Amino acid sequence: MITTVATTPFDGQKPGTSGLRKKVRVFQQANYAENFIQSVFDVAERAPASTLVIGGDGRFHNRTVIARAIRMAAANGYARVLVGQGGILSTPAASHVIRKYGASGGLILSASHNPGGPDEDFGIKYNIANGGPAPEAVTEAIHARTQTIDRWLMVDGGEDVDLDCLGTSQVGDMVVEVIDPVADYADLMEELFDFDAIRTAAGHGLSVAFDAMHAVTGPYAHEILERRLGFPAGTVHNGTPLEDFGEHHPDPNLVHARVLYDLMMSPDAPALGAASDGDRNLIIGKGVFITPSDSLAMLAADAHLAPAYAGGLKGIARSMPTSAAADRVAEALGIPLWETPTGWKFFGTLLDAGKATICGEESAGTGSDHVREKDGLWAVLLWLNILAVTGKPVMQIAAEHWARFGRNYYARHDYEAIATDKAGALMAALEASLGALPGQSFGPLTVSAADQFAYTDPVDGSESRNQGVRVMFACGSRIVFRLSGTGTEGATLRVYLERYEGPDGRLAEETPAMLADLVAAAEAIAGIAAHTGRTAPDVVT
């Protein structure tokens, strides 16, 4: 029996463009998650008797929302739901499952790298049939529906699906299949990379330390690294997904993966250190941290060493705040470089159109055309493929890359949980000053141009404006200021600092010293301390 539940619209709580992300206590309100899910079902394009994929990162409240989403899908005419065992599906694995089984879309229950637990964060986003995040036209339609929704539907009666038991069951007229969340994804990785070469290298001493951060990536890493590739048991640390991520922050950066960083800077370091929460990744070689921007560039330069990319790349795409290191690789390879706003959905149209093969963001997201999401374990496996084939350590690969292309010294400074009005005032003042900045000098740096980044999609012609303030300097350095929407409290100001040194320049200096003039210029230009009261960033990546 289908039950219609009366409800009222959201009260001014607008879902973000990547879905709805709030505190768990907000989602626990009556009708809250149901309103969003029903709004998705009301506007999503799908043929009759479609398949829906459901899964999440295992955080607190996942199982509760999945149980309700399954009953709602049955009431809304879906013929089949594929759900990961235990409610688990990493974001890239969900993207692959959507594509492989021809689903009309999927609900991914995650708040990305935000902390989990009863007092922490929860989220839901909708991915479309290509496996990628819903484009802005769809998210805007979902938001509009949340403002008018007056009912949601569910199938009543019977037991909830046993998420821990593989197999099929019936909910109303809909088939629910609980699938192995790892198998399809692991099989795909084995098609993309030279597992034989990596296995051989592992047998000859190639070693890895992988921090799964008690997030969704643990089961995938255990299966692929330890079982299929033969790295010893214990290679994967923190490999069991926990509802609160072990009371840690599942963000693969130098703050939240400090134990891994300290190991990689010690005499006992393995050849490769990596961390991933599922979609993002952190790469550290013995004695050298590889920034996400450099990792994108280095992977693109050497991707031909993996079977899936042996024929070359069609193009490289990067988000605007990501350093220009990949631009120089694209130029050398004679392929296009696409600079997009932040957000994986902008890569999706390029990948679908065959205009790009590899893409990445400075926020530790890297991926390729194998799915339509960032993929942390994919990046680690490509690094392992390169190490196995070349026999070179990460330090040597980095040094040779910089000697060929030059080095983009780069850092991101995050000022988290700033009061929204203060963050808005800072950006408004900064935008008002853009016209006066060119020609001004800040220490040794002279501004050559300043603007608000705007983007016209080369495939569908859609326009995105106000994507971040760029301040360019005559020497080739730049600063980018941008507000991020990934948090659930206040606003996060991200300040991106970039200095380029050519192949004959200073390629082996410490990054903080090389960026000191830019740090001072950023404060002078934006007045961060005056607007926010913050004298230092919360996180430096």
Protein backbone atom coordinates (compact mmCIF):
# COMPACT_ATOMS: atom_id res chain seq x y z
CA MET A 1 0.00 0.00 0.00
CA ILE A 2 1.25 3.50 -0.84
CA THR A 3 0.96 6.06 1.91
CA THR A 4 0.84 9.78 1.16
CA VAL A 5 2.35 11.83 3.97
CA ALA A 6 1.42 15.50 4.21
CA THR A 7 4.38 17.82 4.67
CA THR A 8 5.45 21.45 4.45
CA PRO A 9 8.27 22.99 2.37
CA PHE A 10 11.77 23.67 3.58
CA ASP A 11 11.93 26.81 5.68
CA GLY A 12 14.62 28.75 3.86
CA GLN A 13 17.21 25.96 4.03
CA LYS A 14 18.50 25.81 0.49
CA PRO A 15 20.23 22.66 -0.73
CA GLY A 16 23.70 23.31 -2.12
CA THR A 17 24.55 22.60 -5.72
CA SER A 18 26.15 19.29 -4.69
CA GLY A 19 23.09 18.21 -2.74
CA LEU A 20 21.77 18.79 0.74
CA ARG A 21 24.33 18.93 3.56
CA LYS A 22 23.34 19.73 7.14
CA LYS A 23 23.86 18.58 10.71
CA VAL A 24 22.43 15.16 11.59
CA ARG A 25 19.97 16.77 13.99
CA VAL A 26 18.52 18.74 11.07
CA PHE A 27 18.03 15.57 9.02
CA GLN A 28 16.41 13.90 12.02
CA GLN A 29 13.55 16.41 11.92
CA ALA A 30 10.24 14.96 10.79
CA ASN A 31 9.92 14.96 6.97
CA TYR A 32 13.28 16.66 6.39
CA ALA A 33 15.17 13.96 4.47
CA GLU A 34 11.88 12.77 2.95
CA ASN A 35 11.15 16.24 1.52
CA PHE A 36 14.46 16.30 -0.31
CA ILE A 37 14.24 12.73 -1.59
CA GLN A 38 10.67 13.23 -2.79
CA SER A 39 11.70 16.45 -4.51
CA VAL A 40 14.40 14.51 -6.36
CA PHE A 41 11.88 11.87 -7.43
CA ASP A 42 9.41 14.56 -8.53
CA VAL A 43 11.83 16.28 -10.91
CA ALA A 44 14.40 13.65 -11.96
CA GLU A 45 14.17 12.51 -15.56
CA ARG A 46 13.62 8.77 -15.76
CA ALA A 47 11.89 6.24 -17.97
CA PRO A 48 9.13 4.06 -16.55
CA ALA A 49 10.39 1.11 -14.49
CA SER A 50 13.83 2.65 -13.97
CA THR A 51 16.66 1.48 -11.73
CA LEU A 52 17.89 3.61 -8.83
CA VAL A 53 21.25 3.18 -7.08
CA ILE A 54 21.51 3.95 -3.35
CA GLY A 55 24.57 3.93 -1.12
CA GLY A 56 26.64 6.04 1.20
CA ASP A 57 29.85 6.45 3.12
CA GLY A 58 28.67 4.62 6.24
CA ARG A 59 28.33 7.68 8.45
CA PHE A 60 25.81 7.97 11.25
CA HIS A 61 22.18 8.08 10.04
CA ASN A 62 22.98 6.36 6.70
CA ARG A 63 20.98 3.21 7.38
CA THR A 64 17.94 5.12 8.63
CA VAL A 65 17.72 7.29 5.53
CA ILE A 66 18.47 4.39 3.16
CA ALA A 67 15.59 2.36 4.61
CA ARG A 68 13.21 5.26 4.08
CA ALA A 69 14.57 6.02 0.57
CA ILE A 70 13.97 2.43 -0.54
CA ARG A 71 10.29 2.57 0.50
CA MET A 72 9.90 5.95 -1.15
CA ALA A 73 11.46 4.69 -4.40
CA ALA A 74 8.97 1.83 -4.48
CA ALA A 75 6.09 4.26 -4.02
CA ASN A 76 7.41 6.49 -6.80
CA GLY A 77 7.43 3.84 -9.51
CA TYR A 78 11.00 2.60 -9.63
CA ALA A 79 11.27 -1.03 -10.75
CA ARG A 80 14.58 -1.83 -9.11
CA VAL A 81 16.93 -0.45 -6.47
CA LEU A 82 20.59 -1.47 -6.24
CA VAL A 83 21.96 -0.78 -2.77
CA GLY A 84 25.43 -1.47 -1.44
CA GLN A 85 25.81 -4.08 1.27
CA GLY A 86 25.69 -2.42 4.67
CA GLY A 87 24.49 0.72 2.91
CA ILE A 88 28.07 1.21 1.66
CA LEU A 89 28.98 2.58 -1.77
CA SER A 90 31.85 4.98 -2.29
CA THR A 91 30.99 7.93 -4.51
CA PRO A 92 33.13 6.73 -7.46
CA ALA A 93 31.82 3.17 -7.03
CA ALA A 94 28.25 4.49 -7.08
CA SER A 95 29.05 6.40 -10.27
CA HIS A 96 30.36 3.20 -11.85
CA VAL A 97 27.35 1.14 -10.74
CA ILE A 98 24.96 3.74 -12.21
CA ARG A 99 26.79 3.61 -15.52
CA LYS A 100 27.33 -0.17 -15.64
CA TYR A 101 23.73 -1.13 -14.91
CA GLY A 102 22.04 1.65 -16.85
CA ALA A 103 20.38 3.23 -13.82
CA SER A 104 18.50 6.47 -14.26
CA GLY A 105 20.42 7.92 -11.33
CA GLY A 106 21.44 7.41 -7.74
CA LEU A 107 21.15 8.79 -4.22
CA ILE A 108 24.54 9.12 -2.56
CA LEU A 109 24.37 9.62 1.19
CA SER A 110 27.50 11.45 2.23
CA ALA A 111 28.69 14.76 3.57
CA SER A 112 31.98 14.24 1.74
CA HIS A 113 35.02 14.80 3.96
CA ASN A 114 33.03 16.45 6.76
CA PRO A 115 33.05 14.74 10.19
CA GLY A 116 30.38 12.16 11.08
CA GLY A 117 28.47 11.16 14.18
CA PRO A 118 25.25 12.05 16.01
CA ASP A 119 26.35 15.67 16.48
CA GLU A 120 28.11 16.04 13.15
CA ASP A 121 27.23 16.16 9.45
CA PHE A 122 25.03 14.28 7.01
CA GLY A 123 24.23 14.78 3.35
CA ILE A 124 22.34 13.51 0.33
CA LYS A 125 23.06 14.24 -3.32
CA TYR A 126 21.58 13.02 -6.57
CA ASN A 127 23.69 11.75 -9.46
CA ILE A 128 22.20 11.47 -12.93
CA ALA A 129 22.36 8.68 -15.51
CA ASN A 130 25.90 9.48 -16.65
CA GLY A 131 27.04 8.74 -13.08
CA GLY A 132 27.94 12.33 -12.33
CA PRO A 133 26.53 14.98 -10.01
CA ALA A 134 23.29 16.54 -11.13
CA PRO A 135 23.91 19.69 -13.21
CA GLU A 136 22.74 23.08 -12.01
CA ALA A 137 19.49 22.95 -13.97
CA VAL A 138 18.52 19.79 -12.07
CA THR A 139 19.67 20.98 -8.64
CA GLU A 140 17.77 24.24 -9.16
CA ALA A 141 14.64 22.27 -10.09
CA ILE A 142 15.06 20.12 -6.97
CA HIS A 143 15.44 23.22 -4.84
CA ALA A 144 12.38 24.83 -6.39
CA ARG A 145 10.35 21.71 -5.64
CA THR A 146 11.46 21.72 -1.99
CA GLN A 147 9.90 25.17 -1.70
CA THR A 148 6.45 23.96 -2.78
CA ILE A 149 6.32 20.30 -1.75
CA ASP A 150 3.21 19.32 0.22
CA ARG A 151 3.45 15.52 0.32
CA TRP A 152 5.80 12.57 0.04
CA LEU A 153 5.07 8.95 -0.84
CA MET A 154 6.17 5.65 0.64
CA VAL A 155 5.22 1.98 0.50
CA ASP A 156 3.85 0.87 3.85
CA GLY A 157 3.95 -2.51 5.57
CA GLY A 158 6.50 -5.34 5.68
CA GLU A 159 10.05 -5.45 7.00
CA ASP A 160 12.86 -3.13 6.00
CA VAL A 161 15.45 -4.64 3.66
CA ASP A 162 18.31 -6.45 5.40
CA LEU A 163 21.20 -4.35 4.15
CA ASP A 164 23.78 -6.80 5.46
CA CYS A 165 22.56 -9.75 3.37
CA LEU A 166 23.48 -9.98 -0.33
CA GLY A 167 20.57 -10.90 -2.57
CA THR A 168 17.18 -9.71 -3.73
CA SER A 169 13.94 -8.93 -1.94
CA GLN A 170 10.64 -7.26 -2.74
CA VAL A 171 9.35 -3.91 -1.49
CA GLY A 172 5.89 -3.32 -2.94
CA ASP A 173 6.21 -3.94 -6.66
CA MET A 174 9.92 -3.04 -6.66
CA VAL A 175 12.90 -5.42 -6.58
CA VAL A 176 15.68 -4.48 -4.16
CA GLU A 177 19.09 -6.02 -4.77
CA VAL A 178 21.77 -5.74 -2.11
CA ILE A 179 25.04 -5.88 -4.04
CA ASP A 180 28.69 -6.33 -3.15
CA PRO A 181 29.78 -2.68 -2.94
CA VAL A 182 33.38 -3.45 -3.91
CA ALA A 183 33.39 -6.12 -6.64
CA ASP A 184 32.27 -4.08 -9.68
CA TYR A 185 34.63 -1.23 -8.82
CA ALA A 186 37.62 -3.53 -8.17
CA ASP A 187 37.02 -5.28 -11.50
CA LEU A 188 37.04 -1.90 -13.26
CA MET A 189 40.36 -0.94 -11.65
CA GLU A 190 41.85 -4.22 -12.85
CA GLU A 191 40.86 -3.29 -16.40
CA LEU A 192 42.44 0.17 -16.19
CA PHE A 193 45.80 -0.60 -14.61
CA ASP A 194 48.65 -3.07 -15.03
CA PHE A 195 47.96 -5.19 -11.96
CA ASP A 196 50.61 -7.73 -13.03
CA ALA A 197 53.33 -5.07 -13.04
CA ILE A 198 52.21 -3.72 -9.66
CA ARG A 199 52.06 -7.24 -8.17
CA THR A 200 55.56 -7.95 -9.43
CA ALA A 201 56.88 -4.68 -8.01
CA ALA A 202 55.17 -5.40 -4.68
CA GLY A 203 56.97 -8.74 -4.61
CA HIS A 204 60.27 -6.97 -5.19
CA GLY A 205 59.91 -4.43 -2.41
CA LEU A 206 57.50 -1.71 -3.58
CA SER A 207 55.75 -0.74 -0.36
CA VAL A 208 52.69 1.34 0.49
CA ALA A 209 51.06 2.84 3.56
CA PHE A 210 47.40 3.61 2.90
CA ASP A 211 45.23 5.49 5.41
CA ALA A 212 41.54 4.78 4.78
CA MET A 213 40.60 7.18 7.61
CA HIS A 214 37.83 4.82 8.88
CA ALA A 215 35.86 6.08 5.89
CA VAL A 216 34.16 4.30 3.01
CA THR A 217 37.36 3.56 1.07
CA GLY A 218 38.60 0.91 3.54
CA PRO A 219 36.85 -2.15 2.04
CA TYR A 220 37.95 -1.12 -1.45
CA ALA A 221 41.57 -0.69 -0.37
CA HIS A 222 41.64 -4.02 1.48
CA GLU A 223 40.29 -5.86 -1.56
CA ILE A 224 42.46 -4.19 -4.18
CA LEU A 225 45.74 -3.45 -2.40
CA GLU A 226 46.02 -6.40 -0.05
CA ARG A 227 44.07 -9.14 -1.84
CA ARG A 228 44.34 -8.49 -5.58
CA LEU A 229 47.73 -6.74 -5.66
CA GLY A 230 49.40 -8.72 -2.90
CA PHE A 231 50.60 -5.95 -0.62
CA PRO A 232 50.96 -7.37 2.89
CA ALA A 233 48.19 -7.31 5.47
CA GLY A 234 48.49 -4.08 7.42
CA THR A 235 49.18 -2.00 4.31
CA VAL A 236 45.73 -0.47 4.82
CA HIS A 237 45.40 1.50 8.06
CA ASN A 238 42.07 2.53 9.62
CA GLY A 239 40.32 0.32 7.08
CA THR A 240 37.00 -0.31 8.84
CA PRO A 241 34.28 2.27 8.05
CA LEU A 242 32.88 3.75 11.25
CA GLU A 243 29.78 5.89 11.72
CA ASP A 244 31.88 8.63 13.33
CA PHE A 245 35.11 7.92 11.39
CA GLY A 246 36.78 7.04 14.67
CA GLU A 247 36.05 10.58 15.92
CA HIS A 248 38.46 11.88 13.30
CA HIS A 249 37.94 14.16 10.32
CA PRO A 250 38.01 12.04 7.11
CA ASP A 251 39.73 14.74 5.07
CA PRO A 252 42.94 13.55 3.37
CA ASN A 253 45.18 16.53 4.02
CA LEU A 254 48.33 17.22 5.99
CA VAL A 255 46.40 18.12 9.14
CA HIS A 256 44.03 15.17 9.34
CA ALA A 257 46.52 12.63 7.98
CA ARG A 258 49.40 13.86 10.11
CA VAL A 259 50.37 10.37 11.29
CA LEU A 260 50.86 9.31 7.67
CA TYR A 261 52.87 12.44 6.89
CA ASP A 262 55.18 11.88 9.86
CA LEU A 263 55.75 8.28 8.74
CA MET A 264 56.61 9.39 5.20
CA MET A 265 59.15 11.90 6.50
CA SER A 266 60.86 9.24 8.66
CA PRO A 267 63.70 6.85 7.76
CA ASP A 268 61.21 3.94 7.86
CA ALA A 269 58.93 5.42 5.19
CA PRO A 270 57.57 3.10 2.49
CA ALA A 271 57.81 4.06 -1.17
CA LEU A 272 54.34 5.60 -1.28
CA GLY A 273 52.05 7.03 1.35
CA ALA A 274 48.43 7.69 0.45
CA ALA A 275 45.16 8.56 2.16
CA SER A 276 41.62 8.68 0.86
CA ASP A 277 38.12 9.18 2.21
CA GLY A 278 36.74 7.54 -0.93
CA ASP A 279 36.74 10.31 -3.51
CA ARG A 280 39.62 12.57 -2.41
CA ASN A 281 43.26 11.53 -2.13
CA LEU A 282 46.55 12.54 -0.54
CA ILE A 283 49.87 11.49 -2.09
CA ILE A 284 53.18 11.55 -0.20
CA GLY A 285 56.43 10.00 -1.38
CA LYS A 286 59.30 9.15 0.87
CA GLY A 287 60.48 12.57 2.01
CA VAL A 288 58.25 14.55 -0.37
CA PHE A 289 54.63 15.75 -0.26
CA ILE A 290 53.00 15.98 -3.68
CA THR A 291 50.38 18.72 -3.78
CA PRO A 292 47.07 17.74 -5.39
CA SER A 293 47.77 20.20 -8.21
CA ASP A 294 51.18 18.66 -8.88
CA SER A 295 49.75 15.16 -8.59
CA LEU A 296 47.25 15.95 -11.34
CA ALA A 297 50.03 17.24 -13.58
CA MET A 298 52.38 14.32 -12.89
CA LEU A 299 49.66 11.71 -13.42
CA ALA A 300 48.67 13.33 -16.71
CA ALA A 301 52.29 13.42 -17.89
CA ASP A 302 52.82 9.71 -17.14
CA ALA A 303 49.31 8.28 -17.63
CA HIS A 304 50.41 6.54 -20.83
CA LEU A 305 52.22 3.99 -18.65
CA ALA A 306 48.84 2.51 -17.61
CA PRO A 307 46.97 0.33 -20.14
CA ALA A 308 43.78 2.41 -20.12
CA TYR A 309 45.65 5.56 -21.16
CA ALA A 310 48.35 4.08 -23.40
CA GLY A 311 46.75 5.70 -26.44
CA GLY A 312 47.13 9.19 -24.99
CA LEU A 313 44.80 11.73 -23.45
CA LYS A 314 42.06 13.71 -25.20
CA GLY A 315 42.48 16.67 -22.86
CA ILE A 316 43.07 17.71 -19.27
CA ALA A 317 40.55 19.63 -17.18
CA ARG A 318 41.23 21.44 -13.91
CA SER A 319 39.25 23.72 -11.65
CA MET A 320 40.18 27.40 -11.72
CA PRO A 321 41.79 27.44 -8.23
CA THR A 322 43.99 24.45 -9.13
CA SER A 323 47.53 25.43 -10.04
CA ALA A 324 48.55 25.82 -13.67
CA ALA A 325 51.00 22.89 -13.47
CA ALA A 326 48.69 20.75 -15.62
CA ASP A 327 48.51 23.51 -18.24
CA ARG A 328 52.16 23.00 -19.09
CA VAL A 329 51.69 19.26 -19.44
CA ALA A 330 48.74 19.78 -21.78
CA GLU A 331 50.80 22.19 -23.88
CA ALA A 332 53.67 19.69 -24.14
CA LEU A 333 51.27 16.88 -25.12
CA GLY A 334 49.50 19.09 -27.65
CA ILE A 335 46.07 18.57 -26.09
CA PRO A 336 43.44 21.00 -24.74
CA LEU A 337 43.48 22.31 -21.18
CA TRP A 338 40.07 23.22 -19.76
CA GLU A 339 39.80 25.60 -16.80
CA THR A 340 36.41 25.21 -15.10
CA PRO A 341 34.68 26.42 -11.95
CA THR A 342 35.01 24.26 -8.84
CA GLY A 343 32.61 21.31 -8.90
CA TRP A 344 32.90 17.93 -10.57
CA LYS A 345 29.72 18.46 -12.58
CA PHE A 346 31.66 20.88 -14.80
CA PHE A 347 34.04 18.07 -15.75
CA GLY A 348 31.13 15.79 -16.58
CA THR A 349 30.11 17.58 -19.77
CA LEU A 350 33.73 17.61 -20.98
CA LEU A 351 34.18 13.90 -20.24
CA ASP A 352 30.87 12.97 -21.88
CA ALA A 353 31.81 14.96 -24.97
CA GLY A 354 35.24 13.31 -25.22
CA LYS A 355 37.04 16.61 -24.71
CA ALA A 356 39.00 15.49 -21.62
CA THR A 357 40.36 12.25 -20.19
CA ILE A 358 41.90 13.26 -16.86
CA CYS A 359 40.68 15.99 -14.56
CA GLY A 360 41.30 17.26 -11.08
CA GLU A 361 40.81 19.85 -8.38
CA GLU A 362 43.25 21.29 -5.89
CA SER A 363 40.97 20.03 -3.11
CA ALA A 364 42.51 16.56 -3.59
CA GLY A 365 40.00 15.30 -6.15
CA THR A 366 41.43 13.53 -9.21
CA GLY A 367 39.78 11.27 -11.75
CA SER A 368 39.33 10.26 -15.36
CA ASP A 369 36.66 9.29 -17.85
CA HIS A 370 36.19 5.85 -16.24
CA VAL A 371 33.51 7.38 -13.97
CA ARG A 372 32.00 10.84 -13.51
CA GLU A 373 33.27 11.53 -10.01
CA LYS A 374 36.58 12.17 -8.33
CA ASP A 375 38.19 8.87 -7.38
CA GLY A 376 40.79 8.69 -4.62
CA LEU A 377 41.81 5.05 -4.98
CA TRP A 378 42.07 5.42 -8.76
CA ALA A 379 44.70 8.14 -8.26
CA VAL A 380 46.65 5.94 -5.85
CA LEU A 381 46.57 3.02 -8.29
CA LEU A 382 47.79 5.20 -11.15
CA TRP A 383 50.69 6.34 -8.97
CA LEU A 384 51.47 2.69 -8.15
CA ASN A 385 51.30 1.80 -11.85
CA ILE A 386 53.82 4.55 -12.64
CA LEU A 387 56.13 3.54 -9.80
CA ALA A 388 55.97 -0.11 -10.83
CA VAL A 389 56.71 0.52 -14.51
CA THR A 390 59.45 3.12 -14.07
CA GLY A 391 61.09 1.70 -10.96
CA LYS A 392 61.66 5.28 -9.82
CA PRO A 393 60.87 6.68 -6.36
CA VAL A 394 58.32 9.45 -6.01
CA MET A 395 61.07 11.98 -5.22
CA GLN A 396 62.80 11.27 -8.55
CA ILE A 397 59.56 11.42 -10.53
CA ALA A 398 58.78 14.81 -8.99
CA ALA A 399 62.28 16.19 -9.54
CA GLU A 400 62.32 15.12 -13.19
CA HIS A 401 58.85 16.57 -13.74
CA TRP A 402 59.86 19.95 -12.31
CA ALA A 403 63.09 19.94 -14.33
CA ARG A 404 61.01 19.51 -17.48
CA PHE A 405 57.98 21.69 -16.79
CA GLY A 406 59.01 23.99 -13.96
CA ARG A 407 57.42 24.06 -10.54
CA ASN A 408 54.24 25.73 -9.31
CA TYR A 409 54.76 26.38 -5.61
CA TYR A 410 51.26 26.21 -4.22
CA ALA A 411 49.22 26.23 -1.01
CA ARG A 412 45.63 26.63 0.08
CA HIS A 413 44.78 28.46 3.30
CA ASP A 414 41.36 27.64 4.78
CA TYR A 415 39.63 29.93 7.27
CA GLU A 416 36.77 27.76 8.52
CA ALA A 417 33.39 28.49 10.12
CA ILE A 418 33.54 32.25 9.56
CA ALA A 419 30.28 34.04 10.34
CA THR A 420 28.43 34.21 7.05
CA ASP A 421 27.88 37.96 7.19
CA LYS A 422 31.58 38.61 7.83
CA ALA A 423 32.64 36.34 4.99
CA GLY A 424 30.17 38.03 2.67
CA ALA A 425 31.41 41.48 3.66
CA LEU A 426 35.01 40.46 2.96
CA MET A 427 34.18 39.20 -0.53
CA ALA A 428 32.00 42.23 -1.31
CA ALA A 429 34.81 44.62 -0.36
CA LEU A 430 37.30 42.59 -2.36
CA GLU A 431 35.09 42.59 -5.44
CA ALA A 432 34.57 46.34 -5.14
CA SER A 433 38.34 46.88 -5.21
CA LEU A 434 39.09 44.82 -8.34
CA GLY A 435 39.18 47.76 -10.72
CA ALA A 436 41.72 49.62 -8.60
CA LEU A 437 44.12 46.70 -8.06
CA PRO A 438 45.99 46.54 -11.42
CA GLY A 439 49.24 48.47 -11.16
CA GLN A 440 49.39 48.36 -7.36
CA SER A 441 52.47 46.84 -5.73
CA PHE A 442 52.56 44.68 -2.63
CA GLY A 443 56.19 44.23 -1.68
CA PRO A 444 57.94 42.77 -4.74
CA LEU A 445 54.62 41.84 -6.36
CA THR A 446 52.82 44.07 -8.86
CA VAL A 447 49.22 43.31 -9.81
CA SER A 448 48.76 42.87 -13.56
CA ALA A 449 45.06 41.95 -13.57
CA ALA A 450 42.16 41.12 -11.23
CA ASP A 451 38.72 39.70 -11.95
CA GLN A 452 35.80 37.51 -10.95
CA PHE A 453 36.17 34.20 -12.77
CA ALA A 454 33.33 33.32 -15.16
CA TYR A 455 32.94 30.21 -17.32
CA THR A 456 30.99 29.32 -20.44
CA ASP A 457 30.67 25.58 -20.90
CA PRO A 458 32.09 24.67 -24.34
CA VAL A 459 29.61 21.78 -24.69
CA ASP A 460 26.22 23.06 -23.55
CA GLY A 461 26.87 26.82 -23.54
CA SER A 462 25.76 27.28 -19.92
CA GLU A 463 27.33 30.17 -18.03
CA SER A 464 28.66 30.26 -14.47
CA ARG A 465 29.65 33.57 -12.94
CA ASN A 466 31.14 34.80 -9.66
CA GLN A 467 33.26 31.69 -9.25
CA GLY A 468 36.11 33.30 -7.33
CA VAL A 469 38.28 36.40 -7.31
CA ARG A 470 41.60 36.12 -9.14
CA VAL A 471 44.51 38.49 -8.57
CA MET A 472 47.33 37.99 -11.09
CA PHE A 473 50.82 39.43 -10.74
CA ALA A 474 53.30 40.48 -13.39
CA CYS A 475 55.77 37.77 -12.35
CA GLY A 476 53.27 34.99 -13.09
CA SER A 477 52.18 34.43 -9.50
CA ARG A 478 48.54 34.67 -8.47
CA ILE A 479 46.15 34.64 -5.51
CA VAL A 480 42.57 33.33 -5.64
CA PHE A 481 39.91 34.09 -3.03
CA ARG A 482 36.79 31.95 -2.87
CA LEU A 483 34.04 31.05 -0.43
CA SER A 484 33.39 27.32 -0.16
CA GLY A 485 30.03 25.70 0.43
CA THR A 486 31.28 22.36 1.80
CA GLY A 487 30.74 23.17 5.47
CA THR A 488 27.52 23.06 7.47
CA GLU A 489 28.25 25.98 9.80
CA GLY A 490 29.20 29.47 8.68
CA ALA A 491 31.40 29.92 5.62
CA THR A 492 34.89 28.75 4.69
CA LEU A 493 37.20 31.28 3.04
CA ARG A 494 39.76 29.58 0.82
CA VAL A 495 42.84 31.53 -0.24
CA TYR A 496 44.92 29.91 -2.99
CA LEU A 497 48.55 30.99 -3.38
CA GLU A 498 50.63 30.12 -6.43
CA ARG A 499 54.16 31.00 -7.54
CA TYR A 500 55.73 29.62 -10.71
CA GLU A 501 59.43 28.87 -11.14
CA GLY A 502 60.63 27.83 -14.59
CA PRO A 503 62.83 24.78 -15.26
CA ASP A 504 65.92 26.90 -14.59
CA GLY A 505 64.48 28.46 -11.44
CA ARG A 506 64.49 27.57 -7.76
CA LEU A 507 62.96 24.10 -7.80
CA ALA A 508 63.96 22.66 -4.42
CA GLU A 509 62.99 25.35 -1.93
CA GLU A 510 60.57 25.06 0.98
CA THR A 511 57.05 26.05 -0.08
CA PRO A 512 56.25 28.37 2.89
CA ALA A 513 59.31 30.50 2.21
CA MET A 514 58.54 30.71 -1.50
CA LEU A 515 54.97 31.85 -0.80
CA ALA A 516 55.69 34.31 2.03
CA ASP A 517 55.33 37.40 -0.17
CA LEU A 518 51.99 36.11 -1.47
CA VAL A 519 50.69 35.47 2.06
CA ALA A 520 51.48 39.08 2.98
CA ALA A 521 49.90 40.36 -0.23
CA ALA A 522 46.71 38.35 0.38
CA GLU A 523 46.26 39.94 3.78
CA ALA A 524 46.95 43.42 2.41
CA ILE A 525 44.50 42.98 -0.47
CA ALA A 526 41.61 41.28 1.34
CA GLY A 527 41.97 42.45 4.95
CA ILE A 528 41.26 38.97 6.29
CA ALA A 529 42.16 39.80 9.89
CA ALA A 530 40.11 43.00 9.92
CA HIS A 531 37.01 41.31 8.47
CA THR A 532 37.14 38.00 10.34
CA GLY A 533 39.39 38.46 13.37
CA ARG A 534 41.48 35.52 12.12
CA THR A 535 45.24 35.98 12.11
CA ALA A 536 46.05 32.54 10.70
CA PRO A 537 44.27 29.86 8.65
CA ASP A 538 42.74 26.81 10.30
CA VAL A 539 44.13 24.43 7.67
CA VAL A 540 47.05 24.80 5.28
CA THR A 541 47.22 22.35 2.39
